[in-house]
Amino acid sequence: MSKIYVDAVEPEGITTDLTLGDTGGGDKVIVPGTIKISGGSPGADKVLTSDADGDGSWAVLPGGGDLTPAWQMSMSADQLSMTSQTWYDVNFNTADVDTDSGCDTTAKTYTVPAGKGGQYMVGVRLFTGNNKSGYGYTLWNDGQLRLRKNPAGADDILMDIWADWRNNPVRRGPLAGSMMLDLTAGDILYVEIANHVSTGGNYGVVIAGAGTNVFYGFKVLGA
């Protein structure tokens, strides 16, 4: 086998392609070392992809490779005195995780950061009831939880969960759910809760505590 020692190989003309092997496609090009492709905006965590014609380009690895942005919000205290048949924003006033500064603990919302739109896994868990000592609120008949988007704009209900506790002697328990959402930068997410009491009173409690109530999410795929 003959060898040719050169420092660079270039096509003859500016618009001419450089072909290695014959056009029949049966030849192989073997590179014993590593390959470096400097053109086409390479970058960390990017992958080389191709179109239908086989032309290659660099693309961001889906999800950025680390499932961010990611967040988790929780409650610092129980949420009390909730009138029946009335919607309340859940008091998620603590940011446990907030990789891209999307949590607003005053408004109790999460805003998708600029340039971070895509497919997200979003979930929420609330523990409701009134059996904590000293509260004395009327038992819930039903609990209802909603995940909503853009409270200042479109009134989109993304997730709606009911629980019926009328056959439960203490009428308390969790409301929980999760789902995949297609979100765009600037979308605002928040959680609200309502209790439904048909007789005897009109108050309820959302019970806080470490790991009890959380509102969380993370990006899975890019836009």
Protein backbone atom coordinates (compact mmCIF):
# COMPACT_ATOMS: atom_id res chain seq x y z
CA MET A 1 0.00 0.00 0.00
CA SER A 2 1.36 3.41 -1.03
CA LYS A 3 1.31 6.47 1.22
CA ILE A 4 1.06 10.16 0.36
CA TYR A 5 2.32 12.66 2.91
CA VAL A 6 0.68 16.12 2.67
CA ASP A 7 -0.28 18.92 5.07
CA ALA A 8 -3.59 19.78 3.41
CA VAL A 9 -5.89 18.53 0.66
CA GLU A 10 -8.23 21.01 -1.03
CA PRO A 11 -10.58 20.81 -4.04
CA GLU A 12 -9.40 22.37 -7.29
CA GLY A 13 -12.08 25.05 -7.41
CA ILE A 14 -14.07 27.05 -4.85
CA THR A 15 -17.33 25.42 -5.90
CA THR A 16 -15.87 21.95 -6.38
CA ASP A 17 -16.54 19.18 -3.86
CA LEU A 18 -13.68 17.09 -2.56
CA THR A 19 -14.52 13.39 -2.98
CA LEU A 20 -12.77 10.57 -1.12
CA GLY A 21 -13.27 7.21 -2.81
CA ASP A 22 -15.31 6.47 -5.90
CA THR A 23 -18.91 7.43 -6.54
CA GLY A 24 -20.06 3.81 -6.32
CA GLY A 25 -20.10 4.02 -2.57
CA GLY A 26 -18.21 0.82 -2.01
CA ASP A 27 -15.00 2.40 -0.69
CA LYS A 28 -14.40 3.22 2.96
CA VAL A 29 -12.40 6.05 4.48
CA ILE A 30 -10.57 4.94 7.62
CA VAL A 31 -9.30 7.58 10.06
CA PRO A 32 -7.05 6.03 12.73
CA GLY A 33 -7.16 9.13 14.94
CA THR A 34 -9.93 11.50 15.99
CA ILE A 35 -11.91 13.69 13.58
CA LYS A 36 -12.32 17.43 14.12
CA ILE A 37 -15.01 19.32 12.22
CA SER A 38 -14.45 23.02 12.80
CA GLY A 39 -17.10 24.38 10.45
CA GLY A 40 -20.82 24.82 11.06
CA SER A 41 -20.77 26.39 14.55
CA PRO A 42 -19.68 23.48 16.73
CA GLY A 43 -20.14 23.79 20.50
CA ALA A 44 -20.30 21.95 23.79
CA ASP A 45 -23.03 19.27 24.00
CA LYS A 46 -23.89 19.65 20.30
CA VAL A 47 -24.41 16.63 18.05
CA LEU A 48 -23.76 16.22 14.30
CA THR A 49 -27.04 15.67 12.41
CA SER A 50 -27.93 15.42 8.73
CA ASP A 51 -30.78 16.41 6.46
CA ALA A 52 -32.45 14.23 3.82
CA ASP A 53 -29.58 14.87 1.38
CA GLY A 54 -26.90 13.86 3.90
CA ASP A 55 -25.66 17.41 4.52
CA GLY A 56 -24.39 17.60 8.10
CA SER A 57 -24.88 20.36 10.66
CA TRP A 58 -24.43 20.85 14.40
CA ALA A 59 -27.48 20.83 16.67
CA VAL A 60 -28.04 21.30 20.39
CA LEU A 61 -28.45 18.04 22.26
CA PRO A 62 -32.19 17.70 23.15
CA GLY A 63 -32.90 18.99 26.65
CA GLY A 64 -29.43 20.53 26.86
CA GLY A 65 -28.20 17.22 28.25
CA ASP A 66 -29.06 18.08 31.85
CA LEU A 67 -32.90 18.47 32.02
CA THR A 68 -32.83 22.18 32.72
CA PRO A 69 -34.49 24.59 33.33
CA ALA A 70 -35.75 22.81 36.45
CA TRP A 71 -37.66 24.05 39.47
CA GLN A 72 -39.46 22.97 42.62
CA MET A 73 -41.58 25.25 44.81
CA SER A 74 -43.05 24.43 48.22
CA MET A 75 -45.08 26.03 51.04
CA SER A 76 -43.59 27.47 54.22
CA ALA A 77 -46.86 27.30 56.21
CA ASP A 78 -50.37 25.86 56.10
CA GLN A 79 -52.91 27.69 53.93
CA LEU A 80 -56.02 28.32 56.03
CA SER A 81 -59.53 29.85 55.89
CA MET A 82 -60.49 28.86 52.37
CA THR A 83 -64.13 29.63 51.65
CA SER A 84 -66.00 26.85 49.88
CA GLN A 85 -66.57 27.12 46.13
CA THR A 86 -63.78 29.73 45.86
CA TRP A 87 -60.49 29.41 43.98
CA TYR A 88 -57.24 30.28 45.74
CA ASP A 89 -53.70 30.45 44.39
CA VAL A 90 -51.69 27.86 46.26
CA ASN A 91 -49.12 29.55 48.49
CA PHE A 92 -45.97 28.19 46.85
CA ASN A 93 -43.73 30.81 48.44
CA THR A 94 -40.45 28.88 48.67
CA ALA A 95 -38.10 27.99 45.79
CA ASP A 96 -36.32 24.74 46.65
CA VAL A 97 -34.81 24.39 43.15
CA ASP A 98 -34.62 27.13 40.51
CA THR A 99 -31.85 26.60 37.95
CA ASP A 100 -32.78 29.50 35.65
CA SER A 101 -34.47 31.99 38.02
CA GLY A 102 -38.04 31.35 36.82
CA CYS A 103 -39.69 31.12 40.26
CA ASP A 104 -41.62 34.09 41.67
CA THR A 105 -42.26 33.32 45.34
CA THR A 106 -44.34 36.50 45.76
CA ALA A 107 -46.73 35.79 42.88
CA LYS A 108 -46.43 31.99 43.47
CA THR A 109 -45.74 31.42 39.76
CA TYR A 110 -43.11 29.94 37.46
CA THR A 111 -42.18 31.72 34.21
CA VAL A 112 -40.42 29.86 31.40
CA PRO A 113 -37.10 31.72 30.92
CA ALA A 114 -36.14 33.50 27.70
CA GLY A 115 -34.86 31.10 25.05
CA LYS A 116 -35.97 28.04 27.06
CA GLY A 117 -39.19 26.99 25.33
CA GLY A 118 -39.79 23.30 24.63
CA GLN A 119 -41.34 20.17 26.08
CA TYR A 120 -41.57 20.17 29.88
CA MET A 121 -42.61 17.62 32.48
CA VAL A 122 -44.68 19.52 35.07
CA GLY A 123 -46.27 18.18 38.23
CA VAL A 124 -47.91 19.20 41.50
CA ARG A 125 -48.81 17.52 44.80
CA LEU A 126 -51.04 18.99 47.52
CA PHE A 127 -52.12 17.43 50.81
CA THR A 128 -55.49 18.74 51.96
CA GLY A 129 -57.67 18.30 55.03
CA ASN A 130 -58.52 19.85 58.37
CA ASN A 131 -57.67 17.34 61.07
CA LYS A 132 -54.63 19.21 62.37
CA SER A 133 -55.04 20.00 66.06
CA GLY A 134 -56.64 23.34 66.87
CA TYR A 135 -57.93 24.30 63.44
CA GLY A 136 -61.51 23.07 63.74
CA TYR A 137 -62.47 23.75 60.13
CA THR A 138 -65.33 21.92 58.47
CA LEU A 139 -64.36 18.76 56.60
CA TRP A 140 -64.05 18.91 52.85
CA ASN A 141 -66.54 17.01 50.71
CA ASP A 142 -64.43 17.38 47.55
CA GLY A 143 -61.10 18.92 46.66
CA GLN A 144 -60.16 20.32 43.28
CA LEU A 145 -56.73 21.31 41.95
CA ARG A 146 -55.90 23.13 38.74
CA LEU A 147 -52.66 23.87 36.94
CA ARG A 148 -53.11 27.00 34.85
CA LYS A 149 -51.13 29.07 32.37
CA ASN A 150 -50.80 32.82 31.78
CA PRO A 151 -53.12 34.30 34.44
CA ALA A 152 -52.76 37.74 32.87
CA GLY A 153 -53.71 36.47 29.42
CA ALA A 154 -55.38 33.35 28.14
CA ASP A 155 -57.12 31.47 30.96
CA ASP A 156 -55.82 28.04 30.01
CA ILE A 157 -56.56 25.13 32.33
CA LEU A 158 -53.78 22.62 31.73
CA MET A 159 -54.64 20.08 34.42
CA ASP A 160 -57.82 19.64 36.50
CA ILE A 161 -57.92 17.05 39.32
CA TRP A 162 -60.82 16.19 41.62
CA ALA A 163 -60.97 14.07 44.78
CA ASP A 164 -64.18 12.94 46.52
CA TRP A 165 -63.72 12.26 50.24
CA ARG A 166 -67.35 12.00 51.39
CA ASN A 167 -66.90 8.36 52.41
CA ASN A 168 -63.64 9.12 54.22
CA PRO A 169 -64.22 9.82 57.94
CA VAL A 170 -61.53 12.52 58.03
CA ARG A 171 -61.93 13.67 54.42
CA ARG A 172 -58.35 14.49 53.69
CA GLY A 173 -55.68 13.33 51.31
CA PRO A 174 -53.43 14.26 48.40
CA LEU A 175 -54.30 15.86 45.10
CA ALA A 176 -51.52 15.09 42.63
CA GLY A 177 -50.77 14.86 38.93
CA SER A 178 -48.12 15.40 36.27
CA MET A 179 -48.08 15.84 32.50
CA MET A 180 -45.96 16.80 29.50
CA LEU A 181 -46.51 20.37 28.27
CA ASP A 182 -45.36 22.28 25.20
CA LEU A 183 -44.30 25.64 26.65
CA THR A 184 -42.85 28.78 25.14
CA ALA A 185 -40.59 31.40 26.70
CA GLY A 186 -42.64 33.77 28.86
CA ASP A 187 -45.41 31.28 29.69
CA ILE A 188 -46.49 31.70 33.32
CA LEU A 189 -47.63 28.65 35.29
CA TYR A 190 -49.44 28.60 38.63
CA VAL A 191 -51.54 26.25 40.76
CA GLU A 192 -54.91 26.91 42.38
CA ILE A 193 -57.08 24.97 44.81
CA ALA A 194 -60.75 24.91 45.77
CA ASN A 195 -62.67 22.98 48.43
CA HIS A 196 -66.32 22.05 48.08
CA VAL A 197 -68.37 21.74 51.26
CA SER A 198 -72.10 21.14 50.87
CA THR A 199 -73.21 21.35 54.51
CA GLY A 200 -72.09 22.46 57.95
CA GLY A 201 -69.53 25.14 57.09
CA ASN A 202 -67.27 26.51 54.46
CA TYR A 203 -63.60 26.35 55.44
CA GLY A 204 -60.70 24.05 54.73
CA VAL A 205 -56.95 23.66 55.02
CA VAL A 206 -54.02 22.88 52.74
CA ILE A 207 -51.41 21.28 54.97
CA ALA A 208 -47.78 22.30 54.46
CA GLY A 209 -44.67 20.42 55.54
CA ALA A 210 -41.35 19.20 54.21
CA GLY A 211 -41.99 17.35 50.95
CA THR A 212 -45.78 17.46 51.41
CA ASN A 213 -46.78 20.07 48.84
CA VAL A 214 -44.62 20.73 45.79
CA PHE A 215 -44.96 22.35 42.37
CA TYR A 216 -42.17 21.24 40.05
CA GLY A 217 -41.03 20.85 36.47
CA PHE A 218 -38.06 20.35 34.16
CA LYS A 219 -37.33 20.67 30.44
CA VAL A 220 -37.13 17.41 28.53
CA LEU A 221 -36.80 18.47 24.87
CA GLY A 222 -35.83 21.66 23.09
CA ALA A 223 -38.23 23.79 21.07
